[in-house]
Amino acid sequence: MYLVIASAVALSAGAALAQTEQIAAESDVVVLTSGQRLTAPIIKETAQAIWLDLGPTVVEVPRADIAEIVRRGTNENAEVAADEKDLFR
């Protein structure tokens, strides 16, 4: 019984780790002027700001606070022009 439970826990942990690594590989990295880094998919982008999907919340980051954007993975959202009035693409 212990072996079955231990195996199930190990498989669950492995699946969660693989999913986390996949999300990180597909996420963009936004480096702020303060030096902090935000790793999340960009869901909207305008000349004034970008919006990041941080899971249960969406964060708006003004372009003036961004030092660099490193685009990763297959996230084509950042390449799509967004209307200023849209919250999401």
N, C-alpha and C. Protein backbone atom coordinates (compact mmCIF):
# COMPACT_ATOMS: atom_id res chain seq x y z
N MET A 1 0.83 -1.19 0.00
CA MET A 1 0.00 0.00 0.00
C MET A 1 0.87 1.25 0.00
N TYR A 2 1.91 1.26 0.85
CA TYR A 2 2.81 2.42 0.93
C TYR A 2 3.47 2.67 -0.42
N LEU A 3 3.89 1.59 -1.10
CA LEU A 3 4.54 1.72 -2.40
C LEU A 3 3.60 2.34 -3.43
N VAL A 4 2.34 1.96 -3.41
CA VAL A 4 1.36 2.52 -4.35
C VAL A 4 1.16 4.01 -4.10
N ILE A 5 1.04 4.39 -2.83
CA ILE A 5 0.85 5.81 -2.49
C ILE A 5 2.09 6.61 -2.86
N ALA A 6 3.26 6.08 -2.55
CA ALA A 6 4.52 6.77 -2.88
C ALA A 6 4.66 6.94 -4.38
N SER A 7 4.29 5.91 -5.14
CA SER A 7 4.37 5.99 -6.60
C SER A 7 3.41 7.04 -7.14
N ALA A 8 2.20 7.08 -6.60
CA ALA A 8 1.21 8.07 -7.04
C ALA A 8 1.67 9.49 -6.74
N VAL A 9 2.25 9.69 -5.57
CA VAL A 9 2.76 11.02 -5.20
C VAL A 9 3.91 11.41 -6.12
N ALA A 10 4.80 10.48 -6.40
CA ALA A 10 5.94 10.77 -7.28
C ALA A 10 5.46 11.11 -8.69
N LEU A 11 4.48 10.37 -9.20
CA LEU A 11 3.95 10.66 -10.53
C LEU A 11 3.26 12.02 -10.57
N SER A 12 2.50 12.34 -9.54
CA SER A 12 1.82 13.63 -9.47
C SER A 12 2.82 14.77 -9.42
N ALA A 13 3.86 14.61 -8.62
CA ALA A 13 4.89 15.65 -8.51
C ALA A 13 5.62 15.81 -9.83
N GLY A 14 5.90 14.71 -10.49
CA GLY A 14 6.58 14.77 -11.79
C GLY A 14 5.73 15.46 -12.83
N ALA A 15 4.43 15.18 -12.85
CA ALA A 15 3.53 15.82 -13.81
C ALA A 15 3.42 17.31 -13.53
N ALA A 16 3.34 17.68 -12.27
CA ALA A 16 3.25 19.11 -11.91
C ALA A 16 4.53 19.83 -12.30
N LEU A 17 5.68 19.21 -12.09
CA LEU A 17 6.95 19.82 -12.46
C LEU A 17 7.05 19.99 -13.97
N ALA A 18 6.64 18.98 -14.72
CA ALA A 18 6.68 19.07 -16.18
C ALA A 18 5.77 20.18 -16.68
N GLN A 19 4.59 20.31 -16.08
CA GLN A 19 3.66 21.36 -16.49
C GLN A 19 4.24 22.74 -16.15
N THR A 20 4.85 22.89 -14.99
CA THR A 20 5.47 24.15 -14.60
C THR A 20 6.60 24.52 -15.55
N GLU A 21 7.42 23.55 -15.92
CA GLU A 21 8.52 23.81 -16.84
C GLU A 21 7.99 24.21 -18.21
N GLN A 22 6.90 23.58 -18.67
CA GLN A 22 6.32 23.92 -19.97
C GLN A 22 5.77 25.34 -19.94
N ILE A 23 5.07 25.72 -18.88
CA ILE A 23 4.53 27.07 -18.76
C ILE A 23 5.66 28.09 -18.76
N ALA A 24 6.72 27.81 -18.01
CA ALA A 24 7.86 28.74 -17.96
C ALA A 24 8.53 28.86 -19.32
N ALA A 25 8.63 27.76 -20.06
CA ALA A 25 9.26 27.79 -21.37
C ALA A 25 8.43 28.59 -22.37
N GLU A 26 7.12 28.63 -22.20
CA GLU A 26 6.25 29.35 -23.12
C GLU A 26 5.98 30.78 -22.66
N SER A 27 6.46 31.16 -21.50
CA SER A 27 6.19 32.48 -20.94
C SER A 27 7.23 33.48 -21.39
N ASP A 28 6.82 34.74 -21.39
CA ASP A 28 7.73 35.83 -21.69
C ASP A 28 8.34 36.31 -20.37
N VAL A 29 9.49 36.93 -20.46
CA VAL A 29 10.14 37.50 -19.27
C VAL A 29 10.19 39.01 -19.46
N VAL A 30 9.59 39.72 -18.52
CA VAL A 30 9.59 41.18 -18.54
C VAL A 30 10.52 41.65 -17.43
N VAL A 31 11.57 42.37 -17.83
CA VAL A 31 12.52 42.91 -16.86
C VAL A 31 12.13 44.36 -16.62
N LEU A 32 11.86 44.68 -15.36
CA LEU A 32 11.45 46.03 -15.01
C LEU A 32 12.67 46.93 -14.79
N THR A 33 12.46 48.23 -14.84
CA THR A 33 13.55 49.18 -14.61
C THR A 33 14.11 49.05 -13.20
N SER A 34 13.33 48.50 -12.28
CA SER A 34 13.79 48.27 -10.90
C SER A 34 14.69 47.04 -10.79
N GLY A 35 14.77 46.25 -11.87
CA GLY A 35 15.56 45.02 -11.86
C GLY A 35 14.74 43.77 -11.62
N GLN A 36 13.50 43.92 -11.17
CA GLN A 36 12.63 42.76 -10.94
C GLN A 36 12.25 42.13 -12.28
N ARG A 37 11.95 40.83 -12.23
CA ARG A 37 11.54 40.08 -13.43
C ARG A 37 10.15 39.51 -13.22
N LEU A 38 9.33 39.60 -14.25
CA LEU A 38 8.01 38.98 -14.25
C LEU A 38 8.01 37.95 -15.37
N THR A 39 7.68 36.70 -15.05
CA THR A 39 7.65 35.63 -16.04
C THR A 39 6.21 35.18 -16.22
N ALA A 40 5.64 35.51 -17.37
CA ALA A 40 4.24 35.19 -17.65
C ALA A 40 3.97 35.46 -19.12
N PRO A 41 2.94 34.83 -19.69
CA PRO A 41 2.57 35.13 -21.07
C PRO A 41 2.03 36.56 -21.19
N ILE A 42 2.42 37.24 -22.25
CA ILE A 42 1.86 38.56 -22.55
C ILE A 42 0.54 38.30 -23.27
N ILE A 43 -0.57 38.84 -22.74
CA ILE A 43 -1.87 38.62 -23.37
C ILE A 43 -2.36 39.82 -24.15
N LYS A 44 -1.79 40.99 -23.89
CA LYS A 44 -2.14 42.19 -24.65
C LYS A 44 -0.96 43.13 -24.60
N GLU A 45 -0.80 43.88 -25.69
CA GLU A 45 0.32 44.78 -25.78
C GLU A 45 -0.10 46.02 -26.55
N THR A 46 0.14 47.21 -25.98
CA THR A 46 -0.10 48.47 -26.68
C THR A 46 1.17 49.31 -26.58
N ALA A 47 1.13 50.49 -27.15
CA ALA A 47 2.28 51.39 -27.08
C ALA A 47 2.51 51.90 -25.66
N GLN A 48 1.46 51.90 -24.84
CA GLN A 48 1.57 52.44 -23.48
C GLN A 48 1.83 51.39 -22.41
N ALA A 49 1.38 50.15 -22.63
CA ALA A 49 1.47 49.13 -21.58
C ALA A 49 1.40 47.73 -22.17
N ILE A 50 1.74 46.74 -21.32
CA ILE A 50 1.51 45.34 -21.64
C ILE A 50 0.71 44.73 -20.50
N TRP A 51 0.01 43.64 -20.78
CA TRP A 51 -0.77 42.93 -19.78
C TRP A 51 -0.23 41.51 -19.70
N LEU A 52 0.05 41.05 -18.49
CA LEU A 52 0.59 39.72 -18.25
C LEU A 52 -0.43 38.85 -17.55
N ASP A 53 -0.52 37.59 -17.99
CA ASP A 53 -1.42 36.61 -17.38
C ASP A 53 -0.66 35.88 -16.28
N LEU A 54 -0.94 36.25 -15.03
CA LEU A 54 -0.27 35.64 -13.89
C LEU A 54 -1.12 34.57 -13.22
N GLY A 55 -1.93 33.88 -14.00
CA GLY A 55 -2.79 32.83 -13.45
C GLY A 55 -4.12 33.39 -13.06
N PRO A 56 -4.37 33.56 -11.77
CA PRO A 56 -5.69 34.04 -11.34
C PRO A 56 -5.88 35.54 -11.54
N THR A 57 -4.85 36.25 -11.96
CA THR A 57 -4.97 37.69 -12.14
C THR A 57 -4.22 38.15 -13.38
N VAL A 58 -4.61 39.29 -13.90
CA VAL A 58 -3.94 39.93 -15.03
C VAL A 58 -3.32 41.22 -14.51
N VAL A 59 -2.06 41.45 -14.86
CA VAL A 59 -1.34 42.62 -14.39
C VAL A 59 -1.00 43.53 -15.56
N GLU A 60 -1.31 44.81 -15.42
CA GLU A 60 -0.94 45.81 -16.42
C GLU A 60 0.39 46.43 -16.01
N VAL A 61 1.34 46.46 -16.94
CA VAL A 61 2.65 47.04 -16.66
C VAL A 61 2.89 48.18 -17.65
N PRO A 62 3.04 49.40 -17.17
CA PRO A 62 3.32 50.52 -18.07
C PRO A 62 4.67 50.34 -18.77
N ARG A 63 4.74 50.71 -20.03
CA ARG A 63 5.99 50.59 -20.79
C ARG A 63 7.13 51.39 -20.15
N ALA A 64 6.81 52.48 -19.48
CA ALA A 64 7.84 53.30 -18.83
C ALA A 64 8.57 52.52 -17.74
N ASP A 65 7.93 51.48 -17.19
CA ASP A 65 8.53 50.66 -16.13
C ASP A 65 9.27 49.44 -16.66
N ILE A 66 9.30 49.26 -17.98
CA ILE A 66 9.90 48.07 -18.59
C ILE A 66 11.27 48.40 -19.17
N ALA A 67 12.28 47.65 -18.74
CA ALA A 67 13.63 47.81 -19.28
C ALA A 67 13.84 46.90 -20.49
N GLU A 68 13.24 45.69 -20.44
CA GLU A 68 13.47 44.70 -21.50
C GLU A 68 12.35 43.67 -21.49
N ILE A 69 12.03 43.14 -22.69
CA ILE A 69 11.09 42.03 -22.82
C ILE A 69 11.81 40.91 -23.56
N VAL A 70 11.86 39.73 -22.95
CA VAL A 70 12.43 38.55 -23.59
C VAL A 70 11.27 37.65 -23.97
N ARG A 71 11.05 37.50 -25.26
CA ARG A 71 9.92 36.69 -25.74
C ARG A 71 10.38 35.24 -25.89
N ARG A 72 9.54 34.32 -25.39
CA ARG A 72 9.88 32.89 -25.41
C ARG A 72 8.71 32.07 -25.89
N GLY A 73 9.00 30.82 -26.20
CA GLY A 73 7.95 29.85 -26.50
C GLY A 73 7.17 30.16 -27.75
N THR A 74 5.94 29.66 -27.77
CA THR A 74 5.08 29.79 -28.94
C THR A 74 4.02 30.84 -28.73
N ASN A 75 4.28 31.82 -27.90
CA ASN A 75 3.30 32.85 -27.58
C ASN A 75 3.19 33.84 -28.73
N GLU A 76 2.17 33.67 -29.57
CA GLU A 76 1.99 34.60 -30.67
C GLU A 76 1.12 35.79 -30.28
N ASN A 77 0.63 35.83 -29.05
CA ASN A 77 -0.21 36.94 -28.60
C ASN A 77 0.50 38.28 -28.71
N ALA A 78 1.78 38.32 -28.41
CA ALA A 78 2.52 39.57 -28.41
C ALA A 78 2.69 40.13 -29.81
N GLU A 79 2.55 39.27 -30.82
CA GLU A 79 2.73 39.72 -32.20
C GLU A 79 1.45 40.30 -32.79
N VAL A 80 0.34 40.15 -32.10
CA VAL A 80 -0.94 40.61 -32.62
C VAL A 80 -1.21 42.02 -32.11
N ALA A 81 -1.52 42.91 -33.03
CA ALA A 81 -1.84 44.28 -32.63
C ALA A 81 -3.17 44.28 -31.89
N ALA A 82 -3.22 44.96 -30.77
CA ALA A 82 -4.43 45.01 -29.95
C ALA A 82 -5.05 46.38 -30.04
N ASP A 83 -6.36 46.42 -30.02
CA ASP A 83 -7.09 47.67 -29.98
C ASP A 83 -6.99 48.23 -28.56
N GLU A 84 -6.83 49.53 -28.44
CA GLU A 84 -6.69 50.17 -27.13
C GLU A 84 -7.87 49.86 -26.20
N LYS A 85 -9.06 49.64 -26.76
CA LYS A 85 -10.26 49.44 -25.95
C LYS A 85 -10.43 48.00 -25.49
N ASP A 86 -9.71 47.07 -26.08
CA ASP A 86 -9.82 45.66 -25.72
C ASP A 86 -9.02 45.35 -24.47
N LEU A 87 -9.60 44.54 -23.59
CA LEU A 87 -8.83 44.06 -22.45
C LEU A 87 -7.99 42.86 -22.88
N PHE A 88 -8.60 41.97 -23.66
CA PHE A 88 -7.91 40.79 -24.15
C PHE A 88 -7.94 40.80 -25.66
N ARG A 89 -7.01 40.08 -26.25
CA ARG A 89 -6.94 39.95 -27.69
C ARG A 89 -8.09 39.11 -28.15
